[in-house]
């Protein structure tokens, strides 16, 4: 009697399946070690893992943009505003 191969559960991550691990790692942009650590801590639910990754990325504080010195800001504030061409004036 032929037995069918078991169908994988779509929302669970199988850590022994290399193809599934590679696909999830590429989608979430993680390394092997990061994915395994999150899966051990959170569980094997793909949605829970992706939520954890999103929460971790959202909590990371980006570097603030370099602000120009105060003298440059003061100079820009005192400069004349650019002149605009009057759109109502005839051009021909």
N, C-alpha and C. Protein backbone atom coordinates (compact mmCIF):
# COMPACT_ATOMS: atom_id res chain seq x y z
N UNK A 1 0.84 -1.17 0.00
CA UNK A 1 0.00 0.00 0.00
C UNK A 1 0.89 1.24 0.00
N UNK A 2 0.55 2.17 -0.86
CA UNK A 2 1.33 3.40 -0.95
C UNK A 2 0.82 4.41 0.06
N UNK A 3 1.73 4.99 0.77
CA UNK A 3 1.36 6.03 1.73
C UNK A 3 1.78 7.38 1.17
N UNK A 4 0.92 8.33 1.37
CA UNK A 4 1.26 9.66 0.89
C UNK A 4 2.24 10.32 1.86
N UNK A 5 3.04 11.21 1.33
CA UNK A 5 3.98 11.93 2.18
C UNK A 5 3.21 12.94 3.02
N UNK A 6 3.61 13.11 4.26
CA UNK A 6 2.88 14.06 5.11
C UNK A 6 3.05 15.48 4.59
N UNK A 7 1.98 16.22 4.58
CA UNK A 7 1.99 17.61 4.15
C UNK A 7 2.53 18.47 5.31
N UNK A 8 3.41 19.41 5.01
CA UNK A 8 3.93 20.26 6.09
C UNK A 8 2.85 21.23 6.57
N UNK A 9 2.94 21.59 7.81
CA UNK A 9 2.05 22.59 8.37
C UNK A 9 2.56 23.95 7.89
N UNK A 10 1.71 24.73 7.28
CA UNK A 10 2.14 25.95 6.60
C UNK A 10 2.58 27.06 7.55
N UNK A 11 2.07 27.11 8.75
CA UNK A 11 2.41 28.23 9.62
C UNK A 11 3.42 27.84 10.72
N UNK A 12 4.02 26.68 10.59
CA UNK A 12 5.03 26.24 11.56
C UNK A 12 6.36 26.08 10.86
N UNK A 13 7.42 26.49 11.51
CA UNK A 13 8.76 26.40 10.97
C UNK A 13 9.39 25.10 11.42
N UNK A 14 9.85 24.30 10.46
CA UNK A 14 10.53 23.04 10.74
C UNK A 14 12.03 23.33 10.70
N UNK A 15 12.68 23.32 11.85
CA UNK A 15 14.09 23.67 11.91
C UNK A 15 14.98 22.64 11.23
N UNK A 16 14.48 21.45 10.97
CA UNK A 16 15.28 20.42 10.31
C UNK A 16 15.14 20.49 8.78
N UNK A 17 14.20 21.27 8.27
CA UNK A 17 13.99 21.41 6.83
C UNK A 17 14.87 22.56 6.31
N UNK A 18 15.93 22.21 5.57
CA UNK A 18 16.89 23.21 5.11
C UNK A 18 16.26 24.22 4.15
N UNK A 19 15.39 23.75 3.27
CA UNK A 19 14.77 24.63 2.29
C UNK A 19 13.86 25.64 2.97
N UNK A 20 13.05 25.18 3.91
CA UNK A 20 12.15 26.08 4.62
C UNK A 20 12.95 27.09 5.45
N UNK A 21 14.02 26.64 6.08
CA UNK A 21 14.86 27.57 6.86
C UNK A 21 15.48 28.63 5.95
N UNK A 22 15.96 28.23 4.78
CA UNK A 22 16.58 29.18 3.85
C UNK A 22 15.56 30.21 3.37
N UNK A 23 14.35 29.76 3.06
CA UNK A 23 13.33 30.68 2.58
C UNK A 23 12.91 31.69 3.65
N UNK A 24 12.74 31.21 4.87
CA UNK A 24 12.35 32.11 5.96
C UNK A 24 13.48 33.08 6.28
N UNK A 25 14.73 32.58 6.26
CA UNK A 25 15.87 33.46 6.51
C UNK A 25 15.97 34.56 5.46
N UNK A 26 15.76 34.22 4.19
CA UNK A 26 15.82 35.22 3.13
C UNK A 26 14.69 36.23 3.26
N UNK A 27 13.49 35.74 3.59
CA UNK A 27 12.34 36.65 3.69
C UNK A 27 12.49 37.62 4.85
N UNK A 28 13.02 37.14 5.97
CA UNK A 28 13.15 37.98 7.16
C UNK A 28 14.53 38.64 7.27
N UNK A 29 15.44 38.34 6.33
CA UNK A 29 16.80 38.89 6.32
C UNK A 29 17.50 38.64 7.65
N UNK A 30 17.59 37.37 8.02
CA UNK A 30 18.25 36.95 9.25
C UNK A 30 19.37 35.98 8.94
N UNK A 31 20.27 35.80 9.90
CA UNK A 31 21.28 34.76 9.77
C UNK A 31 20.72 33.47 10.36
N UNK A 32 21.44 32.37 10.13
CA UNK A 32 21.02 31.08 10.69
C UNK A 32 20.92 31.15 12.21
N UNK A 33 21.95 31.70 12.83
CA UNK A 33 21.98 31.75 14.29
C UNK A 33 20.86 32.62 14.85
N UNK A 34 20.58 33.75 14.20
CA UNK A 34 19.51 34.63 14.68
C UNK A 34 18.15 33.94 14.58
N UNK A 35 17.91 33.26 13.46
CA UNK A 35 16.63 32.58 13.28
C UNK A 35 16.45 31.46 14.28
N UNK A 36 17.48 30.68 14.51
CA UNK A 36 17.39 29.58 15.47
C UNK A 36 17.18 30.12 16.88
N UNK A 37 17.89 31.21 17.24
CA UNK A 37 17.73 31.79 18.58
C UNK A 37 16.32 32.31 18.79
N UNK A 38 15.76 32.97 17.78
CA UNK A 38 14.39 33.48 17.91
C UNK A 38 13.40 32.33 17.98
N UNK A 39 13.61 31.30 17.16
CA UNK A 39 12.69 30.14 17.16
C UNK A 39 12.73 29.40 18.49
N UNK A 40 13.91 29.31 19.10
CA UNK A 40 14.00 28.65 20.41
C UNK A 40 13.32 29.49 21.49
N UNK A 41 13.43 30.81 21.39
CA UNK A 41 12.86 31.69 22.41
C UNK A 41 11.35 31.85 22.23
N UNK A 42 10.87 32.06 21.00
CA UNK A 42 9.47 32.36 20.74
C UNK A 42 8.65 31.11 20.47
N UNK A 43 9.21 30.22 19.66
CA UNK A 43 8.47 29.03 19.23
C UNK A 43 8.62 28.88 17.73
N UNK A 44 7.93 27.91 17.15
CA UNK A 44 8.13 27.64 15.73
C UNK A 44 7.03 28.22 14.85
N UNK A 45 6.23 29.11 15.35
CA UNK A 45 5.21 29.77 14.55
C UNK A 45 5.87 30.85 13.69
N UNK A 46 5.69 30.76 12.38
CA UNK A 46 6.31 31.71 11.47
C UNK A 46 5.78 33.12 11.70
N UNK A 47 4.50 33.25 11.98
CA UNK A 47 3.95 34.59 12.22
C UNK A 47 4.51 35.19 13.51
N UNK A 48 4.70 34.39 14.54
CA UNK A 48 5.27 34.90 15.79
C UNK A 48 6.73 35.31 15.58
N UNK A 49 7.45 34.55 14.78
CA UNK A 49 8.85 34.88 14.50
C UNK A 49 8.93 36.18 13.72
N UNK A 50 8.07 36.35 12.71
CA UNK A 50 8.12 37.58 11.91
C UNK A 50 7.70 38.79 12.74
N UNK A 51 6.74 38.62 13.66
CA UNK A 51 6.35 39.72 14.54
C UNK A 51 7.50 40.10 15.47
N UNK A 52 8.22 39.12 15.96
CA UNK A 52 9.35 39.38 16.85
C UNK A 52 10.46 40.13 16.11
N UNK A 53 10.72 39.73 14.87
CA UNK A 53 11.74 40.40 14.07
C UNK A 53 11.32 41.85 13.80
N UNK A 54 10.05 42.06 13.47
CA UNK A 54 9.56 43.41 13.20
C UNK A 54 9.65 44.28 14.45
N UNK A 55 9.31 43.70 15.59
CA UNK A 55 9.37 44.44 16.86
C UNK A 55 10.82 44.79 17.20
N UNK A 56 11.72 43.87 16.95
CA UNK A 56 13.14 44.11 17.23
C UNK A 56 13.69 45.21 16.32
N UNK A 57 13.30 45.19 15.04
CA UNK A 57 13.78 46.21 14.11
C UNK A 57 13.18 47.57 14.42
N UNK A 58 11.94 47.60 14.90
CA UNK A 58 11.29 48.87 15.22
C UNK A 58 11.89 49.49 16.49
N UNK A 59 12.37 48.67 17.40
CA UNK A 59 12.92 49.19 18.64
C UNK A 59 14.35 49.66 18.48
N UNK A 60 15.00 49.29 17.39
CA UNK A 60 16.37 49.75 17.16
C UNK A 60 16.34 51.24 16.86
N UNK A 61 17.13 51.99 17.59
CA UNK A 61 17.15 53.45 17.43
C UNK A 61 18.17 53.80 16.35
N UNK A 62 17.72 54.46 15.29
CA UNK A 62 18.67 54.83 14.23
C UNK A 62 19.57 55.98 14.69
N UNK A 63 20.72 56.09 14.05
CA UNK A 63 21.65 57.18 14.35
C UNK A 63 21.03 58.51 13.94
N UNK A 64 21.11 59.52 14.78
CA UNK A 64 20.55 60.81 14.38
C UNK A 64 21.37 61.42 13.25
N UNK A 65 20.71 62.18 12.42
CA UNK A 65 21.38 62.84 11.30
C UNK A 65 22.30 63.93 11.84
N UNK A 66 23.40 64.12 11.17
CA UNK A 66 24.36 65.15 11.59
C UNK A 66 23.74 66.53 11.34
N UNK A 67 23.68 67.32 12.37
CA UNK A 67 23.12 68.68 12.27
C UNK A 67 24.23 69.65 11.91
N UNK A 68 23.93 70.62 11.06
CA UNK A 68 24.96 71.61 10.71
C UNK A 68 25.25 72.51 11.90
N UNK A 69 26.40 73.13 11.89
CA UNK A 69 26.75 74.05 12.99
C UNK A 69 25.77 75.22 13.05
N UNK A 70 25.71 75.85 14.20
CA UNK A 70 24.78 76.96 14.42
C UNK A 70 25.07 78.12 13.47
N UNK A 71 26.32 78.33 13.08
CA UNK A 71 26.65 79.45 12.19
C UNK A 71 26.02 79.24 10.81
N UNK A 72 26.00 77.99 10.33
CA UNK A 72 25.39 77.70 9.03
C UNK A 72 23.89 77.91 9.10
N UNK A 73 23.28 77.52 10.18
CA UNK A 73 21.83 77.69 10.35
C UNK A 73 21.50 79.18 10.39
N UNK A 74 22.29 79.97 11.11
CA UNK A 74 22.03 81.41 11.20
C UNK A 74 22.23 82.08 9.84
N UNK A 75 23.23 81.67 9.09
CA UNK A 75 23.48 82.22 7.78
C UNK A 75 22.33 81.90 6.82
N UNK A 76 21.81 80.70 6.89
CA UNK A 76 20.71 80.31 6.02
C UNK A 76 19.44 81.07 6.40
N UNK A 77 19.25 81.40 7.66
CA UNK A 77 18.06 82.10 8.10
C UNK A 77 18.08 83.57 7.65
N UNK A 78 19.28 84.16 7.53
CA UNK A 78 19.37 85.57 7.14
C UNK A 78 19.48 85.75 5.64
N UNK A 79 19.69 84.70 4.88
CA UNK A 79 19.83 84.80 3.42
C UNK A 79 18.50 85.21 2.80
N UNK A 80 18.59 85.87 1.65
CA UNK A 80 17.38 86.30 0.96
C UNK A 80 16.64 85.09 0.40
N UNK A 81 15.32 85.10 0.46
CA UNK A 81 14.58 83.99 -0.12
C UNK A 81 14.68 84.00 -1.64
N UNK A 82 14.59 82.85 -2.24
CA UNK A 82 14.68 82.76 -3.70
C UNK A 82 13.48 83.44 -4.33
N UNK A 83 13.72 84.12 -5.45
CA UNK A 83 12.62 84.81 -6.13
C UNK A 83 11.88 83.82 -6.99
N UNK A 84 10.58 83.98 -7.03
CA UNK A 84 9.75 83.10 -7.84
C UNK A 84 9.25 83.86 -9.07
N UNK A 85 9.11 83.17 -10.17
CA UNK A 85 8.62 83.76 -11.40
C UNK A 85 7.09 83.82 -11.29
N UNK A 86 6.54 84.98 -11.61
CA UNK A 86 5.09 85.16 -11.53
C UNK A 86 4.43 84.34 -12.64
N UNK A 87 3.60 83.39 -12.27
CA UNK A 87 2.95 82.51 -13.25
C UNK A 87 1.87 83.24 -14.03
N UNK A 88 1.35 84.35 -13.51
CA UNK A 88 0.27 85.07 -14.20
C UNK A 88 0.80 85.97 -15.31
N UNK A 89 2.08 86.29 -15.33
CA UNK A 89 2.64 87.18 -16.36
C UNK A 89 2.71 86.45 -17.69
N UNK A 90 2.36 87.15 -18.78
CA UNK A 90 2.45 86.51 -20.11
C UNK A 90 3.90 86.32 -20.49
N UNK A 91 4.17 85.18 -21.11
CA UNK A 91 5.54 84.86 -21.50
C UNK A 91 5.86 85.22 -22.93
N UNK A 92 4.89 85.56 -23.78
CA UNK A 92 5.17 85.87 -25.19
C UNK A 92 5.11 87.32 -25.52
